[in-house]
Amino acid sequence: MMGATPTSAAAAAQDAIVVAEVMDYCDVAGLAERSYPTLSGGEKQRVNFARVLAQIWEPRPDGGRYLFLDEPLTFLDIGHQIDLMRKLRELAAAPDLTVVGWSMTSPWRRASPTSS
């Protein structure tokens, strides 16, 4: 897992499980064997989202998980925009996860329960 150094074989095995779950959840497992520079803009956006989710996937002992997003719909086609918004709503329903996003695109503003 990029950016993580497991402290034991058990931790490494758990990281591998989390990565597999997140890749499946984000529907990016099919991109795993591709080199990052060869991905399209939308594919990179989806992979980056999966990377972030892998870091906060499991609940923390202190109870606080935070997901900050800046223009999360950029480069995504409409189908993937809808899919990402559904995932964000699902994730935001978790009692221990706070999701904060910023976007100037209208789908994000319409989907936000606090938008005006």
Protein backbone atom coordinates (compact mmCIF):
# COMPACT_ATOMS: atom_id res chain seq x y z
CA MET A 1 0.00 0.00 0.00
CA MET A 2 1.47 3.29 -1.11
CA GLY A 3 2.58 5.47 1.80
CA ALA A 4 2.23 2.79 4.47
CA THR A 5 4.89 0.73 6.15
CA PRO A 6 3.43 -2.35 7.85
CA THR A 7 4.94 -3.11 11.23
CA SER A 8 4.45 -6.88 10.96
CA ALA A 9 3.47 -9.65 8.57
CA ALA A 10 -0.03 -9.57 10.06
CA ALA A 11 -0.29 -5.83 9.41
CA ALA A 12 0.90 -6.34 5.83
CA ALA A 13 -1.71 -9.05 5.32
CA GLN A 14 -4.43 -6.78 6.74
CA ASP A 15 -3.29 -3.95 4.46
CA ALA A 16 -3.59 -6.27 1.47
CA ILE A 17 -7.14 -7.18 2.50
CA VAL A 18 -8.10 -3.52 2.88
CA VAL A 19 -6.60 -2.63 -0.50
CA ALA A 20 -8.49 -5.47 -2.20
CA GLU A 21 -11.77 -4.41 -0.54
CA VAL A 22 -11.31 -0.76 -1.51
CA MET A 23 -10.29 -1.58 -5.08
CA ASP A 24 -13.42 -3.69 -5.41
CA TYR A 25 -15.61 -1.01 -3.80
CA CYS A 26 -14.21 1.66 -6.15
CA ASP A 27 -14.30 -0.64 -9.18
CA VAL A 28 -10.63 -0.06 -9.97
CA ALA A 29 -9.29 -3.62 -9.59
CA GLY A 30 -9.12 -3.86 -13.37
CA LEU A 31 -6.64 -0.96 -13.36
CA ALA A 32 -4.24 -2.54 -10.84
CA GLU A 33 -1.80 -3.85 -13.43
CA ARG A 34 -1.70 -0.60 -15.39
CA SER A 35 1.03 1.97 -14.95
CA TYR A 36 -0.35 5.16 -13.38
CA PRO A 37 0.90 7.46 -16.20
CA THR A 38 -1.05 5.39 -18.76
CA LEU A 39 -4.39 5.97 -17.03
CA SER A 40 -6.88 8.53 -18.33
CA GLY A 41 -7.76 11.54 -16.18
CA GLY A 42 -10.95 9.89 -14.95
CA GLU A 43 -9.17 6.62 -14.19
CA LYS A 44 -6.53 8.53 -12.22
CA GLN A 45 -9.26 10.31 -10.27
CA ARG A 46 -10.91 6.99 -9.38
CA VAL A 47 -7.56 5.43 -8.39
CA ASN A 48 -6.69 8.44 -6.22
CA PHE A 49 -10.07 8.19 -4.49
CA ALA A 50 -9.40 4.50 -3.79
CA ARG A 51 -5.95 5.36 -2.39
CA VAL A 52 -7.48 7.82 0.03
CA LEU A 53 -10.23 5.40 1.06
CA ALA A 54 -7.68 2.68 1.77
CA GLN A 55 -6.10 4.98 4.36
CA ILE A 56 -9.36 5.57 6.23
CA TRP A 57 -11.24 2.35 5.39
CA GLU A 58 -11.19 0.77 8.82
CA PRO A 59 -12.65 2.48 11.90
CA ARG A 60 -10.06 4.02 14.20
CA PRO A 61 -9.86 3.33 17.92
CA ASP A 62 -10.27 7.05 18.65
CA GLY A 63 -13.39 7.11 16.48
CA GLY A 64 -12.42 9.92 14.12
CA ARG A 65 -12.06 9.48 10.37
CA TYR A 66 -12.07 12.40 7.97
CA LEU A 67 -12.35 12.55 4.19
CA PHE A 68 -11.54 15.91 2.57
CA LEU A 69 -12.21 16.18 -1.17
CA ASP A 70 -11.29 18.95 -3.60
CA GLU A 71 -13.12 18.78 -6.93
CA PRO A 72 -13.80 15.03 -6.67
CA LEU A 73 -15.87 14.91 -9.86
CA THR A 74 -13.16 16.39 -12.10
CA PHE A 75 -12.35 14.24 -15.16
CA LEU A 76 -15.15 11.74 -14.40
CA ASP A 77 -17.81 10.94 -16.98
CA ILE A 78 -21.42 11.31 -15.84
CA GLY A 79 -21.77 7.64 -14.91
CA HIS A 80 -18.73 7.74 -12.66
CA GLN A 81 -19.83 11.08 -11.20
CA ILE A 82 -23.14 9.52 -10.15
CA ASP A 83 -21.35 6.45 -8.79
CA LEU A 84 -18.94 8.59 -6.76
CA MET A 85 -21.75 10.71 -5.34
CA ARG A 86 -23.60 7.55 -4.26
CA LYS A 87 -20.46 6.25 -2.59
CA LEU A 88 -19.89 9.56 -0.81
CA ARG A 89 -23.45 9.60 0.52
CA GLU A 90 -23.01 6.02 1.72
CA LEU A 91 -19.69 6.80 3.37
CA ALA A 92 -21.01 9.99 4.97
CA ALA A 93 -23.70 7.93 6.69
CA ALA A 94 -21.03 6.20 8.80
CA PRO A 95 -21.21 7.69 12.31
CA ASP A 96 -17.42 7.90 12.68
CA LEU A 97 -16.62 9.40 9.26
CA THR A 98 -16.83 13.06 8.36
CA VAL A 99 -16.87 13.87 4.64
CA VAL A 100 -16.02 17.41 3.52
CA GLY A 101 -15.97 18.31 -0.15
CA TRP A 102 -15.44 21.31 -2.34
CA SER A 103 -16.50 21.56 -5.96
CA MET A 104 -17.74 24.18 -8.34
CA THR A 105 -19.54 21.62 -10.50
CA SER A 106 -23.31 21.65 -10.38
CA PRO A 107 -23.81 17.88 -9.72
CA TRP A 108 -21.93 18.26 -6.43
CA ARG A 109 -23.96 21.31 -5.39
CA ARG A 110 -27.24 19.57 -6.22
CA ALA A 111 -26.23 16.43 -4.31
CA SER A 112 -25.09 18.19 -1.17
CA PRO A 113 -27.73 18.10 1.56
CA THR A 114 -26.49 21.46 2.87
CA SER A 115 -26.29 23.30 -0.46
CA SER A 116 -28.51 26.28 -1.13
